[in-house]
Amino acid sequence: MRPRLTYSNVVATIALFIALGGASYAALKLPRNSVGARQLKKNAVTGAKIKKSVVTGAKVKDQSLTGQDIDLATVGTVPSAQTANSIVPPEPVHLVGNPGEPGFENGSSNASFKGSITLAPVGYYKDREGTVHLQGYANVDVGPSFVSVFTLPPGYRPAATGIARVFEQQKDLITYIGGDGRVMAREVGGAALEGISFRAES
């Protein structure tokens, strides 16, 4: 007997057709270059889906990576980091009294020994940052007024106001470097210059 055609039979037949047609469509190969950014859902491409060693530096946004993104243990020697080894070292010490260097003034001289301690000769140098450093201990026979030990050349002098060293125990001014470069002392017996440093401004 011919089955009766009912509404439910029609709906079931249409649903079956759609299901079969969808499966057939899904089985079809997509055309080349047919899927673009618009067809991809947000976060659809995960790290596991990216082929190894295909993302180049050109694909990474400039200045977007931080130290937390990089395993420093895997980073080799960076060529630009070697510039630290090529920095020009500080200039050699200019020794007062040597040929071509400032001479001692007012009878001053190097004090080679202070008791049993060997002392460095009087001199000065400038480091990479432009700071002038003095060294040594000078024999100076002075009284209550200042006497110049030697004069720093232009380029190694402090600001016009000069700088001073204070003897901590007596709070007595014993060494003064003027803006004109004169290294002045007021200590009977000698002038300790070791450790004096200042920014060169003239």
N, C-alpha and C. Protein backbone atom coordinates (compact mmCIF):
# COMPACT_ATOMS: atom_id res chain seq x y z
N MET A 1 0.84 -1.20 0.00
CA MET A 1 0.00 0.00 0.00
C MET A 1 0.88 1.25 0.00
N ARG A 2 0.40 2.25 -0.73
CA ARG A 2 1.13 3.50 -0.77
C ARG A 2 0.98 4.22 0.58
N PRO A 3 2.09 4.57 1.21
CA PRO A 3 1.99 5.28 2.50
C PRO A 3 1.35 6.64 2.31
N ARG A 4 0.68 7.08 3.35
CA ARG A 4 0.02 8.38 3.29
C ARG A 4 1.07 9.48 3.44
N LEU A 5 0.97 10.49 2.60
CA LEU A 5 1.87 11.65 2.65
C LEU A 5 1.39 12.60 3.75
N THR A 6 2.19 12.75 4.77
CA THR A 6 1.80 13.60 5.89
C THR A 6 2.81 14.74 6.06
N TYR A 7 2.46 15.71 6.88
CA TYR A 7 3.35 16.88 7.14
C TYR A 7 4.65 16.43 7.79
N SER A 8 4.56 15.51 8.70
CA SER A 8 5.77 15.05 9.39
C SER A 8 6.70 14.33 8.43
N ASN A 9 6.10 13.58 7.44
CA ASN A 9 6.94 12.91 6.46
C ASN A 9 7.69 13.92 5.60
N VAL A 10 7.01 14.99 5.23
CA VAL A 10 7.64 16.02 4.40
C VAL A 10 8.78 16.69 5.15
N VAL A 11 8.54 17.06 6.40
CA VAL A 11 9.57 17.75 7.19
C VAL A 11 10.76 16.84 7.39
N ALA A 12 10.53 15.57 7.68
CA ALA A 12 11.64 14.64 7.88
C ALA A 12 12.45 14.47 6.62
N THR A 13 11.78 14.42 5.49
CA THR A 13 12.49 14.28 4.21
C THR A 13 13.36 15.48 3.92
N ILE A 14 12.82 16.69 4.17
CA ILE A 14 13.60 17.92 3.94
C ILE A 14 14.81 17.97 4.87
N ALA A 15 14.63 17.61 6.14
CA ALA A 15 15.74 17.62 7.10
C ALA A 15 16.83 16.66 6.68
N LEU A 16 16.42 15.47 6.19
CA LEU A 16 17.41 14.49 5.74
C LEU A 16 18.18 15.02 4.54
N PHE A 17 17.50 15.69 3.62
CA PHE A 17 18.16 16.26 2.44
C PHE A 17 19.18 17.32 2.83
N ILE A 18 18.79 18.19 3.76
CA ILE A 18 19.71 19.25 4.21
C ILE A 18 20.93 18.64 4.88
N ALA A 19 20.70 17.64 5.73
CA ALA A 19 21.82 17.00 6.43
C ALA A 19 22.79 16.37 5.47
N LEU A 20 22.26 15.66 4.50
CA LEU A 20 23.14 15.03 3.52
C LEU A 20 23.84 16.05 2.65
N GLY A 21 23.11 17.11 2.27
CA GLY A 21 23.72 18.16 1.45
C GLY A 21 24.82 18.89 2.20
N GLY A 22 24.60 19.17 3.50
CA GLY A 22 25.64 19.84 4.30
C GLY A 22 26.89 19.01 4.42
N ALA A 23 26.71 17.71 4.62
CA ALA A 23 27.88 16.84 4.73
C ALA A 23 28.65 16.80 3.43
N SER A 24 27.88 16.80 2.35
CA SER A 24 28.54 16.77 1.04
C SER A 24 29.30 18.06 0.80
N TYR A 25 28.73 19.21 1.23
CA TYR A 25 29.40 20.49 1.05
C TYR A 25 30.67 20.57 1.88
N ALA A 26 30.54 20.02 3.12
CA ALA A 26 31.71 20.06 4.00
C ALA A 26 32.83 19.21 3.44
N ALA A 27 32.44 18.16 2.69
CA ALA A 27 33.48 17.28 2.14
C ALA A 27 34.21 17.92 0.98
N LEU A 28 33.62 18.99 0.42
CA LEU A 28 34.25 19.67 -0.70
C LEU A 28 35.49 20.43 -0.25
N LYS A 29 36.52 20.54 -1.08
CA LYS A 29 37.74 21.30 -0.78
C LYS A 29 37.49 22.78 -1.01
N LEU A 30 37.90 23.61 -0.02
CA LEU A 30 37.72 25.05 -0.16
C LEU A 30 38.64 25.59 -1.24
N PRO A 31 38.17 26.58 -1.97
CA PRO A 31 39.02 27.20 -3.01
C PRO A 31 40.26 27.83 -2.39
N ARG A 32 41.34 27.89 -3.12
CA ARG A 32 42.60 28.47 -2.66
C ARG A 32 42.40 29.95 -2.34
N ASN A 33 42.97 30.38 -1.20
CA ASN A 33 42.92 31.78 -0.75
C ASN A 33 41.48 32.29 -0.55
N SER A 34 40.58 31.36 -0.18
CA SER A 34 39.19 31.78 0.04
C SER A 34 38.89 32.14 1.48
N VAL A 35 39.77 31.75 2.43
CA VAL A 35 39.58 32.06 3.85
C VAL A 35 40.50 33.20 4.24
N GLY A 36 39.91 34.28 4.75
CA GLY A 36 40.69 35.43 5.17
C GLY A 36 40.45 35.76 6.63
N ALA A 37 40.96 36.93 7.05
CA ALA A 37 40.83 37.33 8.44
C ALA A 37 39.37 37.46 8.87
N ARG A 38 38.50 37.82 7.92
CA ARG A 38 37.09 38.00 8.26
C ARG A 38 36.42 36.67 8.61
N GLN A 39 36.88 35.56 7.98
CA GLN A 39 36.27 34.28 8.24
C GLN A 39 36.77 33.62 9.52
N LEU A 40 37.91 34.08 10.06
CA LEU A 40 38.46 33.48 11.27
C LEU A 40 37.84 34.08 12.52
N LYS A 41 37.50 33.21 13.45
CA LYS A 41 36.97 33.69 14.72
C LYS A 41 38.13 34.24 15.57
N LYS A 42 37.80 35.10 16.51
CA LYS A 42 38.81 35.64 17.41
C LYS A 42 39.46 34.51 18.20
N ASN A 43 40.80 34.55 18.31
CA ASN A 43 41.59 33.55 19.02
C ASN A 43 41.49 32.17 18.39
N ALA A 44 41.11 32.12 17.12
CA ALA A 44 40.99 30.81 16.46
C ALA A 44 42.35 30.20 16.18
N VAL A 45 43.36 31.03 15.91
CA VAL A 45 44.71 30.53 15.62
C VAL A 45 45.50 30.49 16.92
N THR A 46 45.85 29.30 17.37
CA THR A 46 46.59 29.13 18.61
C THR A 46 48.05 28.82 18.31
N GLY A 47 48.87 28.83 19.37
CA GLY A 47 50.29 28.55 19.19
C GLY A 47 50.54 27.18 18.61
N ALA A 48 49.70 26.22 18.97
CA ALA A 48 49.89 24.86 18.46
C ALA A 48 49.64 24.78 16.96
N LYS A 49 48.87 25.73 16.40
CA LYS A 49 48.55 25.72 14.99
C LYS A 49 49.59 26.43 14.13
N ILE A 50 50.54 27.12 14.77
CA ILE A 50 51.57 27.85 14.02
C ILE A 50 52.76 26.95 13.78
N LYS A 51 53.18 26.86 12.56
CA LYS A 51 54.32 26.02 12.21
C LYS A 51 55.59 26.54 12.87
N LYS A 52 56.42 25.63 13.32
CA LYS A 52 57.66 25.99 14.01
C LYS A 52 58.60 26.76 13.08
N SER A 53 59.20 27.82 13.63
CA SER A 53 60.23 28.61 12.95
C SER A 53 59.73 29.31 11.69
N VAL A 54 58.47 29.76 11.71
CA VAL A 54 57.97 30.50 10.55
C VAL A 54 57.69 31.96 10.86
N VAL A 55 57.59 32.32 12.18
CA VAL A 55 57.36 33.71 12.54
C VAL A 55 58.71 34.41 12.63
N THR A 56 58.95 35.38 11.76
CA THR A 56 60.23 36.09 11.70
C THR A 56 60.15 37.40 12.47
N GLY A 57 61.31 38.03 12.63
CA GLY A 57 61.35 39.31 13.33
C GLY A 57 60.54 40.38 12.64
N ALA A 58 60.42 40.27 11.31
CA ALA A 58 59.64 41.26 10.57
C ALA A 58 58.17 41.22 10.92
N LYS A 59 57.70 40.05 11.44
CA LYS A 59 56.30 39.90 11.79
C LYS A 59 55.99 40.33 13.23
N VAL A 60 57.04 40.63 14.01
CA VAL A 60 56.87 41.03 15.41
C VAL A 60 56.85 42.55 15.49
N LYS A 61 55.91 43.09 16.20
CA LYS A 61 55.80 44.54 16.34
C LYS A 61 57.03 45.10 17.05
N ASP A 62 57.58 46.17 16.50
CA ASP A 62 58.77 46.80 17.09
C ASP A 62 58.51 47.20 18.54
N GLN A 63 59.52 46.93 19.41
CA GLN A 63 59.50 47.32 20.82
C GLN A 63 58.31 46.71 21.57
N SER A 64 57.81 45.58 21.08
CA SER A 64 56.68 44.94 21.75
C SER A 64 57.12 43.85 22.72
N LEU A 65 58.34 43.30 22.54
CA LEU A 65 58.81 42.25 23.42
C LEU A 65 59.52 42.83 24.63
N THR A 66 59.33 42.22 25.78
CA THR A 66 59.98 42.64 27.02
C THR A 66 60.86 41.52 27.53
N GLY A 67 61.57 41.78 28.63
CA GLY A 67 62.42 40.76 29.21
C GLY A 67 61.66 39.52 29.63
N GLN A 68 60.38 39.68 30.01
CA GLN A 68 59.58 38.53 30.41
C GLN A 68 59.26 37.62 29.23
N ASP A 69 59.35 38.16 28.01
CA ASP A 69 59.05 37.37 26.81
C ASP A 69 60.26 36.60 26.29
N ILE A 70 61.43 36.87 26.87
CA ILE A 70 62.67 36.29 26.34
C ILE A 70 63.33 35.44 27.41
N ASP A 71 63.73 34.26 27.04
CA ASP A 71 64.51 33.39 27.91
C ASP A 71 65.97 33.78 27.77
N LEU A 72 66.48 34.57 28.74
CA LEU A 72 67.83 35.11 28.63
C LEU A 72 68.89 34.01 28.59
N ALA A 73 68.55 32.83 29.14
CA ALA A 73 69.51 31.74 29.14
C ALA A 73 69.79 31.23 27.73
N THR A 74 68.88 31.52 26.81
CA THR A 74 69.05 31.06 25.44
C THR A 74 69.68 32.10 24.54
N VAL A 75 69.90 33.30 25.07
CA VAL A 75 70.45 34.37 24.25
C VAL A 75 71.98 34.27 24.23
N GLY A 76 72.54 34.25 23.07
CA GLY A 76 74.00 34.18 22.95
C GLY A 76 74.62 35.56 23.12
N THR A 77 75.87 35.67 22.74
CA THR A 77 76.57 36.94 22.84
C THR A 77 76.04 37.89 21.79
N VAL A 78 75.57 39.04 22.25
CA VAL A 78 75.03 40.05 21.34
C VAL A 78 76.19 40.94 20.88
N PRO A 79 76.41 41.09 19.58
CA PRO A 79 77.56 41.88 19.11
C PRO A 79 77.60 43.28 19.67
N SER A 80 76.44 43.95 19.77
CA SER A 80 76.44 45.32 20.25
C SER A 80 76.84 45.42 21.71
N ALA A 81 76.69 44.31 22.45
CA ALA A 81 77.06 44.33 23.86
C ALA A 81 78.56 44.40 24.03
N GLN A 82 79.30 44.09 22.99
CA GLN A 82 80.75 44.14 23.07
C GLN A 82 81.29 45.56 23.10
N THR A 83 80.40 46.56 22.89
CA THR A 83 80.88 47.94 22.91
C THR A 83 81.45 48.32 24.26
N ALA A 84 81.01 47.62 25.32
CA ALA A 84 81.54 47.91 26.65
C ALA A 84 83.04 47.65 26.70
N ASN A 85 83.51 46.69 25.89
CA ASN A 85 84.93 46.37 25.87
C ASN A 85 85.73 47.34 25.01
N SER A 86 85.03 48.16 24.23
CA SER A 86 85.73 49.09 23.34
C SER A 86 85.73 50.52 23.86
N ILE A 87 85.20 50.74 25.08
CA ILE A 87 85.18 52.08 25.65
C ILE A 87 86.61 52.53 25.94
N VAL A 88 86.91 53.74 25.57
CA VAL A 88 88.25 54.27 25.78
C VAL A 88 88.54 54.36 27.28
N PRO A 89 89.64 53.82 27.76
CA PRO A 89 89.95 53.87 29.20
C PRO A 89 90.27 55.29 29.63
N PRO A 90 90.24 55.55 30.95
CA PRO A 90 90.60 56.89 31.43
C PRO A 90 92.02 57.26 30.98
N GLU A 91 92.24 58.54 30.82
CA GLU A 91 93.57 58.99 30.40
C GLU A 91 94.59 58.70 31.50
N PRO A 92 95.86 58.59 31.14
CA PRO A 92 96.89 58.36 32.17
C PRO A 92 97.02 59.56 33.10
N VAL A 93 97.59 59.32 34.25
CA VAL A 93 97.77 60.38 35.24
C VAL A 93 98.82 61.37 34.76
N HIS A 94 98.49 62.66 34.83
CA HIS A 94 99.46 63.71 34.56
C HIS A 94 100.23 63.98 35.85
N LEU A 95 101.53 63.70 35.86
CA LEU A 95 102.34 63.87 37.06
C LEU A 95 102.95 65.26 37.08
N VAL A 96 102.67 65.99 38.15
CA VAL A 96 103.18 67.35 38.30
C VAL A 96 104.71 67.31 38.36
N GLY A 97 105.32 68.21 37.60
CA GLY A 97 106.78 68.28 37.58
C GLY A 97 107.42 67.52 36.44
N ASN A 98 106.66 66.64 35.78
CA ASN A 98 107.21 65.92 34.63
C ASN A 98 107.27 66.82 33.41
N PRO A 99 108.10 66.50 32.42
CA PRO A 99 108.17 67.32 31.21
C PRO A 99 106.80 67.44 30.53
N GLY A 100 106.45 68.67 30.18
CA GLY A 100 105.18 68.92 29.52
C GLY A 100 104.00 69.03 30.47
N GLU A 101 104.23 68.86 31.76
CA GLU A 101 103.17 68.94 32.76
C GLU A 101 103.39 70.17 33.65
N PRO A 102 102.35 70.61 34.38
CA PRO A 102 102.53 71.75 35.30
C PRO A 102 103.64 71.47 36.31
N GLY A 103 104.37 72.51 36.70
CA GLY A 103 105.43 72.35 37.67
C GLY A 103 104.97 72.70 39.07
N PHE A 104 105.74 72.27 40.06
CA PHE A 104 105.46 72.63 41.44
C PHE A 104 105.72 74.13 41.64
N GLU A 105 104.99 74.74 42.55
CA GLU A 105 105.12 76.16 42.83
C GLU A 105 105.45 76.40 44.30
N ASN A 106 106.14 77.52 44.56
CA ASN A 106 106.46 77.95 45.93
C ASN A 106 107.23 76.90 46.72
N GLY A 107 108.14 76.20 46.04
CA GLY A 107 109.01 75.25 46.73
C GLY A 107 108.35 73.94 47.09
N SER A 108 107.14 73.70 46.60
CA SER A 108 106.46 72.43 46.91
C SER A 108 107.14 71.29 46.17
N SER A 109 106.88 70.06 46.60
CA SER A 109 107.48 68.88 45.98
C SER A 109 106.68 67.64 46.37
N ASN A 110 107.01 66.53 45.74
CA ASN A 110 106.37 65.27 46.11
C ASN A 110 106.84 64.81 47.48
N ALA A 111 105.92 64.31 48.26
CA ALA A 111 106.26 63.66 49.52
C ALA A 111 106.19 62.16 49.28
N SER A 112 107.35 61.54 49.15
CA SER A 112 107.37 60.12 48.81
C SER A 112 106.93 59.23 49.96
N PHE A 113 107.18 59.69 51.19
CA PHE A 113 106.85 58.87 52.36
C PHE A 113 106.15 59.73 53.40
N LYS A 114 105.24 59.12 54.13
CA LYS A 114 104.62 59.74 55.30
C LYS A 114 104.72 58.71 56.41
N GLY A 115 105.75 58.84 57.24
CA GLY A 115 106.04 57.79 58.20
C GLY A 115 106.56 56.57 57.45
N SER A 116 105.89 55.46 57.59
CA SER A 116 106.30 54.23 56.91
C SER A 116 105.45 53.96 55.67
N ILE A 117 104.60 54.91 55.29
CA ILE A 117 103.68 54.71 54.17
C ILE A 117 104.26 55.34 52.90
N THR A 118 104.30 54.56 51.82
CA THR A 118 104.73 55.08 50.53
C THR A 118 103.57 55.82 49.89
N LEU A 119 103.80 57.04 49.42
CA LEU A 119 102.75 57.88 48.87
C LEU A 119 102.90 58.01 47.35
N ALA A 120 101.76 58.17 46.68
CA ALA A 120 101.77 58.36 45.24
C ALA A 120 102.26 59.77 44.92
N PRO A 121 102.89 59.97 43.77
CA PRO A 121 103.30 61.32 43.38
C PRO A 121 102.09 62.19 43.09
N VAL A 122 102.27 63.50 43.19
CA VAL A 122 101.19 64.44 42.94
C VAL A 122 100.83 64.42 41.45
N GLY A 123 99.57 64.30 41.17
CA GLY A 123 99.13 64.27 39.78
C GLY A 123 97.63 64.45 39.67
N TYR A 124 97.14 64.35 38.45
CA TYR A 124 95.71 64.52 38.19
C TYR A 124 95.37 63.84 36.87
N TYR A 125 94.10 63.48 36.70
CA TYR A 125 93.60 62.93 35.43
C TYR A 125 92.10 63.15 35.35
N LYS A 126 91.57 63.02 34.16
CA LYS A 126 90.14 63.19 33.93
C LYS A 126 89.57 61.87 33.46
N ASP A 127 88.44 61.44 34.04
CA ASP A 127 87.82 60.19 33.62
C ASP A 127 86.88 60.42 32.44
N ARG A 128 86.20 59.35 31.99
CA ARG A 128 85.35 59.43 30.80
C ARG A 128 84.18 60.39 30.98
N GLU A 129 83.74 60.58 32.23
CA GLU A 129 82.58 61.44 32.50
C GLU A 129 82.97 62.90 32.69
N GLY A 130 84.25 63.22 32.56
CA GLY A 130 84.69 64.61 32.70
C GLY A 130 84.98 65.02 34.12
N THR A 131 85.12 64.06 35.03
CA THR A 131 85.47 64.35 36.42
C THR A 131 86.98 64.33 36.58
N VAL A 132 87.52 65.37 37.22
CA VAL A 132 88.96 65.46 37.46
C VAL A 132 89.27 64.84 38.82
N HIS A 133 90.30 64.01 38.88
CA HIS A 133 90.72 63.36 40.13
C HIS A 133 92.16 63.79 40.43
N LEU A 134 92.40 64.16 41.67
CA LEU A 134 93.75 64.49 42.13
C LEU A 134 94.31 63.32 42.91
N GLN A 135 95.62 63.24 42.97
CA GLN A 135 96.27 62.19 43.75
C GLN A 135 97.56 62.72 44.36
N GLY A 136 98.06 61.99 45.35
CA GLY A 136 99.37 62.27 45.92
C GLY A 136 99.34 63.14 47.16
N TYR A 137 100.54 63.37 47.67
CA TYR A 137 100.75 64.18 48.87
C TYR A 137 101.95 65.08 48.60
N ALA A 138 101.77 66.38 48.79
CA ALA A 138 102.84 67.33 48.46
C ALA A 138 103.48 67.88 49.73
N ASN A 139 104.79 68.02 49.69
CA ASN A 139 105.50 68.74 50.75
C ASN A 139 105.28 70.23 50.55
N VAL A 140 104.69 70.88 51.53
CA VAL A 140 104.41 72.31 51.44
C VAL A 140 104.75 72.94 52.78
N ASP A 141 105.57 73.97 52.75
CA ASP A 141 105.92 74.67 53.98
C ASP A 141 105.15 75.98 54.00
N VAL A 142 103.97 75.96 54.62
CA VAL A 142 103.10 77.13 54.60
C VAL A 142 102.71 77.50 56.01
N GLY A 143 102.19 78.70 56.15
CA GLY A 143 101.73 79.21 57.43
C GLY A 143 100.23 79.37 57.45
N PRO A 144 99.76 80.47 58.00
CA PRO A 144 98.31 80.67 58.13
C PRO A 144 97.60 81.03 56.83
N SER A 145 98.35 81.39 55.79
CA SER A 145 97.71 81.77 54.53
C SER A 145 97.94 80.68 53.48
N PHE A 146 97.10 80.70 52.44
CA PHE A 146 97.20 79.70 51.39
C PHE A 146 98.38 79.97 50.47
N VAL A 147 98.99 78.87 50.00
CA VAL A 147 100.07 78.93 49.02
C VAL A 147 99.73 77.92 47.92
N SER A 148 99.95 78.31 46.67
CA SER A 148 99.64 77.39 45.58
C SER A 148 100.71 76.32 45.45
N VAL A 149 100.26 75.08 45.28
CA VAL A 149 101.15 73.93 45.12
C VAL A 149 101.48 73.75 43.64
N PHE A 150 100.48 73.80 42.77
CA PHE A 150 100.64 73.80 41.33
C PHE A 150 99.34 74.32 40.73
N THR A 151 99.33 74.52 39.42
CA THR A 151 98.15 75.07 38.75
C THR A 151 97.67 74.09 37.69
N LEU A 152 96.38 73.73 37.78
CA LEU A 152 95.78 72.84 36.79
C LEU A 152 95.62 73.59 35.47
N PRO A 153 95.84 72.93 34.34
CA PRO A 153 95.69 73.59 33.04
C PRO A 153 94.21 73.75 32.69
N PRO A 154 93.90 74.60 31.71
CA PRO A 154 92.51 74.74 31.25
C PRO A 154 91.94 73.38 30.85
N GLY A 155 90.66 73.19 31.13
CA GLY A 155 90.01 71.91 30.85
C GLY A 155 90.01 70.98 32.03
N TYR A 156 90.79 71.33 33.08
CA TYR A 156 90.87 70.51 34.28
C TYR A 156 90.53 71.32 35.53
N ARG A 157 89.83 72.41 35.34
CA ARG A 157 89.56 73.31 36.46
C ARG A 157 88.09 73.25 36.88
N PRO A 158 87.81 73.53 38.15
CA PRO A 158 86.42 73.53 38.62
C PRO A 158 85.71 74.81 38.23
N ALA A 159 84.49 74.97 38.72
CA ALA A 159 83.75 76.20 38.46
C ALA A 159 84.48 77.38 39.08
N ALA A 160 84.07 78.58 38.68
CA ALA A 160 84.76 79.80 39.12
C ALA A 160 84.79 79.93 40.63
N THR A 161 83.79 79.35 41.32
CA THR A 161 83.75 79.46 42.78
C THR A 161 84.77 78.56 43.45
N GLY A 162 85.29 77.56 42.72
CA GLY A 162 86.29 76.67 43.29
C GLY A 162 85.66 75.65 44.23
N ILE A 163 86.51 74.74 44.74
CA ILE A 163 86.07 73.75 45.70
C ILE A 163 87.07 73.70 46.85
N ALA A 164 86.66 73.16 47.99
CA ALA A 164 87.53 73.13 49.16
C ALA A 164 87.40 71.80 49.87
N ARG A 165 88.47 71.37 50.54
CA ARG A 165 88.44 70.19 51.40
C ARG A 165 88.59 70.66 52.83
N VAL A 166 87.78 70.07 53.71
CA VAL A 166 87.78 70.44 55.12
C VAL A 166 88.35 69.28 55.93
N PHE A 167 89.27 69.59 56.82
CA PHE A 167 89.83 68.59 57.73
C PHE A 167 88.79 68.32 58.81
N GLU A 168 88.26 67.11 58.84
CA GLU A 168 87.07 66.83 59.64
C GLU A 168 87.27 67.07 61.14
N GLN A 169 88.42 66.72 61.68
CA GLN A 169 88.59 66.85 63.12
C GLN A 169 88.58 68.30 63.59
N GLN A 170 89.29 69.15 62.88
CA GLN A 170 89.42 70.54 63.31
C GLN A 170 88.50 71.49 62.54
N LYS A 171 87.78 70.96 61.54
CA LYS A 171 86.95 71.81 60.70
C LYS A 171 87.75 72.97 60.13
N ASP A 172 88.98 72.66 59.74
CA ASP A 172 89.87 73.70 59.24
C ASP A 172 90.07 73.50 57.74
N LEU A 173 89.89 74.54 56.96
CA LEU A 173 90.07 74.47 55.52
C LEU A 173 91.55 74.31 55.21
N ILE A 174 91.92 73.19 54.57
CA ILE A 174 93.34 72.95 54.34
C ILE A 174 93.70 72.88 52.86
N THR A 175 92.75 72.58 51.95
CA THR A 175 93.03 72.50 50.52
C THR A 175 91.92 73.20 49.75
N TYR A 176 92.32 74.00 48.77
CA TYR A 176 91.34 74.74 47.97
C TYR A 176 91.80 74.75 46.53
N ILE A 177 90.88 74.41 45.60
CA ILE A 177 91.18 74.47 44.17
C ILE A 177 90.33 75.58 43.58
N GLY A 178 90.96 76.64 43.13
CA GLY A 178 90.25 77.79 42.61
C GLY A 178 89.80 77.60 41.17
N GLY A 179 88.90 78.49 40.76
CA GLY A 179 88.43 78.45 39.38
C GLY A 179 89.53 78.76 38.38
N ASP A 180 90.63 79.36 38.84
CA ASP A 180 91.77 79.63 37.97
C ASP A 180 92.72 78.45 37.87
N GLY A 181 92.38 77.35 38.55
CA GLY A 181 93.20 76.15 38.48
C GLY A 181 94.24 76.01 39.55
N ARG A 182 94.44 77.02 40.37
CA ARG A 182 95.47 76.92 41.40
C ARG A 182 95.03 75.98 42.52
N VAL A 183 95.91 75.03 42.83
CA VAL A 183 95.68 74.10 43.94
C VAL A 183 96.37 74.69 45.15
N MET A 184 95.58 75.17 46.11
CA MET A 184 96.10 75.92 47.25
C MET A 184 96.10 75.05 48.51
N ALA A 185 97.11 75.24 49.36
CA ALA A 185 97.19 74.49 50.62
C ALA A 185 97.48 75.43 51.77
N ARG A 186 97.01 75.05 52.95
CA ARG A 186 97.27 75.83 54.15
C ARG A 186 97.65 74.92 55.31
N GLU A 187 98.14 73.76 55.00
CA GLU A 187 98.54 72.82 56.04
C GLU A 187 100.05 72.85 56.17
N VAL A 188 100.56 73.10 57.37
CA VAL A 188 102.00 73.11 57.59
C VAL A 188 102.53 71.69 57.43
N GLY A 189 103.49 71.54 56.54
CA GLY A 189 104.11 70.23 56.37
C GLY A 189 103.70 69.52 55.10
N GLY A 190 102.50 69.70 54.64
CA GLY A 190 102.11 69.00 53.42
C GLY A 190 100.65 69.19 53.07
N ALA A 191 100.31 68.76 51.86
CA ALA A 191 98.93 68.86 51.37
C ALA A 191 98.50 67.51 50.83
N ALA A 192 97.46 66.93 51.41
CA ALA A 192 96.92 65.65 50.96
C ALA A 192 95.91 65.90 49.85
N LEU A 193 96.23 65.41 48.65
CA LEU A 193 95.37 65.63 47.49
C LEU A 193 94.61 64.37 47.09
N GLU A 194 95.01 63.24 47.66
CA GLU A 194 94.37 61.97 47.30
C GLU A 194 92.88 62.00 47.60
N GLY A 195 92.08 61.58 46.61
CA GLY A 195 90.64 61.48 46.81
C GLY A 195 89.86 62.73 46.47
N ILE A 196 90.55 63.85 46.15
CA ILE A 196 89.83 65.06 45.75
C ILE A 196 89.39 64.90 44.30
N SER A 197 88.13 65.13 44.03
CA SER A 197 87.62 65.04 42.66
C SER A 197 86.54 66.08 42.46
N PHE A 198 86.37 66.50 41.23
CA PHE A 198 85.37 67.52 40.92
C PHE A 198 85.08 67.50 39.42
N ARG A 199 83.95 68.05 39.07
CA ARG A 199 83.56 68.11 37.66
C ARG A 199 84.31 69.25 36.97
N ALA A 200 84.98 68.93 35.87
CA ALA A 200 85.70 69.95 35.13
C ALA A 200 84.71 70.89 34.45
N GLU A 201 84.83 72.19 34.70
CA GLU A 201 83.93 73.15 34.11
C GLU A 201 84.66 74.29 33.40
N SER A 202 85.97 74.29 33.45
CA SER A 202 86.71 75.34 32.76
C SER A 202 88.10 74.83 32.37
